[in-house]
Every structure is written in structure tokens, then in C-alpha cells.
């Protein structure tokens, strides 16, 4: 089943979309359809990555904030001492 969706575009957006479509030798509809598919795929990836991170935290596979700050400070001090500043 295919659904149709109407979205408002101002003149500048419509012109940019038409430029993209022309450059790709595609229709504006095809460009928008691909953009929607890309957005859906990215959103799915992002949600899965967030959930994996939350699971890692729940299972103790995360470095506490204080440790990260201490590691960053130690690296900075090491770089500064190596460069003589």
C-alpha cells in the first residue's frame, strides 16, 4: 500500500529540492521518498544505539563520568608536559 502525504514547502525549499532532483536526474518525489527512507533508517539505528547504550549502563559496561573526566585531564597533562607548555 502506498500513502500520499502533502507537506508545505516555501519557494526556496521547492527550488532547492528541484535543483537536487535535476542534479540526480530524478523526480522531486523520488528525492523526497529517498530522504524519508534515510530518515527512517537513521531513526531506527539511533534508537537501537541508544538502547544498546542504556543496556550497557544497566549491565555495568560503562565508565563513570568522574573517571572519564580524570582520564581526559591526565591525557591533557601528559600532552602539555610532552610539549613543554
C-alpha atoms as a PDB file:
ATOM      1  CA  UNK A   1       0.000   0.000   0.000  1.00  0.00           C
ATOM      2  CA  UNK A   2       1.268   3.464  -0.842  1.00  0.00           C
ATOM      3  CA  UNK A   3       0.213   6.509   1.135  1.00  0.00           C
ATOM      4  CA  UNK A   4       0.463  10.058  -0.110  1.00  0.00           C
ATOM      5  CA  UNK A   5       1.471  12.912   2.137  1.00  0.00           C
ATOM      6  CA  UNK A   6       1.239  16.599   1.411  1.00  0.00           C
ATOM      7  CA  UNK A   7       3.852  18.841   3.031  1.00  0.00           C
ATOM      8  CA  UNK A   8       4.236  22.604   2.830  1.00  0.00           C
ATOM      9  CA  UNK A   9       7.414  23.944   1.206  1.00  0.00           C
ATOM     10  CA  UNK A  10       8.283  27.565   0.755  1.00  0.00           C
ATOM     11  CA  UNK A  11       9.501  28.716  -2.657  1.00  0.00           C
ATOM     12  CA  UNK A  12      13.181  28.462  -1.702  1.00  0.00           C
ATOM     13  CA  UNK A  13      12.796  24.906  -0.403  1.00  0.00           C
ATOM     14  CA  UNK A  14      10.886  23.861  -3.514  1.00  0.00           C
ATOM     15  CA  UNK A  15      13.565  25.371  -5.746  1.00  0.00           C
ATOM     16  CA  UNK A  16      16.343  23.631  -3.803  1.00  0.00           C
ATOM     17  CA  UNK A  17      14.500  20.323  -3.984  1.00  0.00           C
ATOM     18  CA  UNK A  18      14.064  20.712  -7.736  1.00  0.00           C
ATOM     19  CA  UNK A  19      17.781  21.528  -8.094  1.00  0.00           C
ATOM     20  CA  UNK A  20      18.705  18.378  -6.172  1.00  0.00           C
ATOM     21  CA  UNK A  21      16.326  16.286  -8.247  1.00  0.00           C
ATOM     22  CA  UNK A  22      17.674  17.701 -11.509  1.00  0.00           C
ATOM     23  CA  UNK A  23      21.269  17.085 -10.421  1.00  0.00           C
ATOM     24  CA  UNK A  24      20.395  13.468  -9.579  1.00  0.00           C
ATOM     25  CA  UNK A  25      18.333  13.060 -12.731  1.00  0.00           C
ATOM     26  CA  UNK A  26      15.360  12.075 -10.598  1.00  0.00           C
ATOM     27  CA  UNK A  27      11.980  13.493  -9.772  1.00  0.00           C
ATOM     28  CA  UNK A  28      11.461  15.644  -6.709  1.00  0.00           C
ATOM     29  CA  UNK A  29       9.128  12.925  -5.415  1.00  0.00           C
ATOM     30  CA  UNK A  30      11.897  10.308  -5.717  1.00  0.00           C
ATOM     31  CA  UNK A  31      14.329  12.549  -3.837  1.00  0.00           C
ATOM     32  CA  UNK A  32      11.834  13.133  -1.030  1.00  0.00           C
ATOM     33  CA  UNK A  33      10.972   9.431  -0.886  1.00  0.00           C
ATOM     34  CA  UNK A  34      14.667   8.551  -0.521  1.00  0.00           C
ATOM     35  CA  UNK A  35      15.100  11.230   2.150  1.00  0.00           C
ATOM     36  CA  UNK A  36      12.187   9.758   4.125  1.00  0.00           C
ATOM     37  CA  UNK A  37      13.648   6.247   3.800  1.00  0.00           C
ATOM     38  CA  UNK A  38      17.024   7.546   5.010  1.00  0.00           C
ATOM     39  CA  UNK A  39      15.378   9.324   7.956  1.00  0.00           C
ATOM     40  CA  UNK A  40      13.504   6.178   8.973  1.00  0.00           C
ATOM     41  CA  UNK A  41      16.672   4.059   8.740  1.00  0.00           C
ATOM     42  CA  UNK A  42      18.689   6.623  10.726  1.00  0.00           C
ATOM     43  CA  UNK A  43      15.997   6.891  13.389  1.00  0.00           C
ATOM     44  CA  UNK A  44      15.914   3.113  13.782  1.00  0.00           C
ATOM     45  CA  UNK A  45      19.721   2.945  14.035  1.00  0.00           C
ATOM     46  CA  UNK A  46      19.782   5.807  16.564  1.00  0.00           C
ATOM     47  CA  UNK A  47      17.090   4.257  18.772  1.00  0.00           C
ATOM     48  CA  UNK A  48      18.890   0.900  18.731  1.00  0.00           C
ATOM     49  CA  UNK A  49      22.217   2.583  19.594  1.00  0.00           C
ATOM     50  CA  UNK A  50      20.616   4.453  22.493  1.00  0.00           C
ATOM     51  CA  UNK A  51      19.017   1.263  23.774  1.00  0.00           C
ATOM     52  CA  UNK A  52      22.345  -0.586  23.493  1.00  0.00           C
ATOM     53  CA  UNK A  53      23.979   2.197  25.496  1.00  0.00           C
ATOM     54  CA  UNK A  54      21.267   2.049  28.125  1.00  0.00           C
ATOM     55  CA  UNK A  55      21.669  -1.725  28.305  1.00  0.00           C
ATOM     56  CA  UNK A  56      25.444  -1.315  28.697  1.00  0.00           C
ATOM     57  CA  UNK A  57      24.863   1.078  31.601  1.00  0.00           C
ATOM     58  CA  UNK A  58      22.373  -1.309  33.239  1.00  0.00           C
ATOM     59  CA  UNK A  59      24.885  -4.159  32.919  1.00  0.00           C
ATOM     60  CA  UNK A  60      27.827  -2.156  34.227  1.00  0.00           C
ATOM     61  CA  UNK A  61      29.650  -1.737  30.906  1.00  0.00           C
ATOM     62  CA  UNK A  62      30.115   1.998  31.231  1.00  0.00           C
ATOM     63  CA  UNK A  63      32.773   4.303  32.610  1.00  0.00           C
ATOM     64  CA  UNK A  64      31.513   6.699  35.290  1.00  0.00           C
ATOM     65  CA  UNK A  65      31.641  10.395  34.428  1.00  0.00           C
ATOM     66  CA  UNK A  66      34.234  11.136  37.092  1.00  0.00           C
ATOM     67  CA  UNK A  67      36.609   8.554  35.603  1.00  0.00           C
ATOM     68  CA  UNK A  68      36.187   9.967  32.101  1.00  0.00           C
ATOM     69  CA  UNK A  69      36.977  13.464  33.384  1.00  0.00           C
ATOM     70  CA  UNK A  70      40.054  12.155  35.243  1.00  0.00           C
ATOM     71  CA  UNK A  71      41.278  10.290  32.140  1.00  0.00           C
ATOM     72  CA  UNK A  72      40.821  13.391  29.956  1.00  0.00           C
ATOM     73  CA  UNK A  73      42.676  15.529  32.476  1.00  0.00           C
ATOM     74  CA  UNK A  74      45.538  13.015  32.655  1.00  0.00           C
ATOM     75  CA  UNK A  75      45.827  12.942  28.850  1.00  0.00           C
ATOM     76  CA  UNK A  76      45.839  16.725  28.679  1.00  0.00           C
ATOM     77  CA  UNK A  77      48.537  16.983  31.345  1.00  0.00           C
ATOM     78  CA  UNK A  78      50.615  14.335  29.562  1.00  0.00           C
ATOM     79  CA  UNK A  79      50.362  16.248  26.245  1.00  0.00           C
ATOM     80  CA  UNK A  80      51.211  19.512  27.923  1.00  0.00           C
ATOM     81  CA  UNK A  81      54.260  18.069  29.668  1.00  0.00           C
ATOM     82  CA  UNK A  82      55.435  16.382  26.462  1.00  0.00           C
ATOM     83  CA  UNK A  83      55.162  19.641  24.533  1.00  0.00           C
ATOM     84  CA  UNK A  84      56.847  21.658  27.259  1.00  0.00           C
ATOM     85  CA  UNK A  85      53.950  24.029  27.842  1.00  0.00           C
END
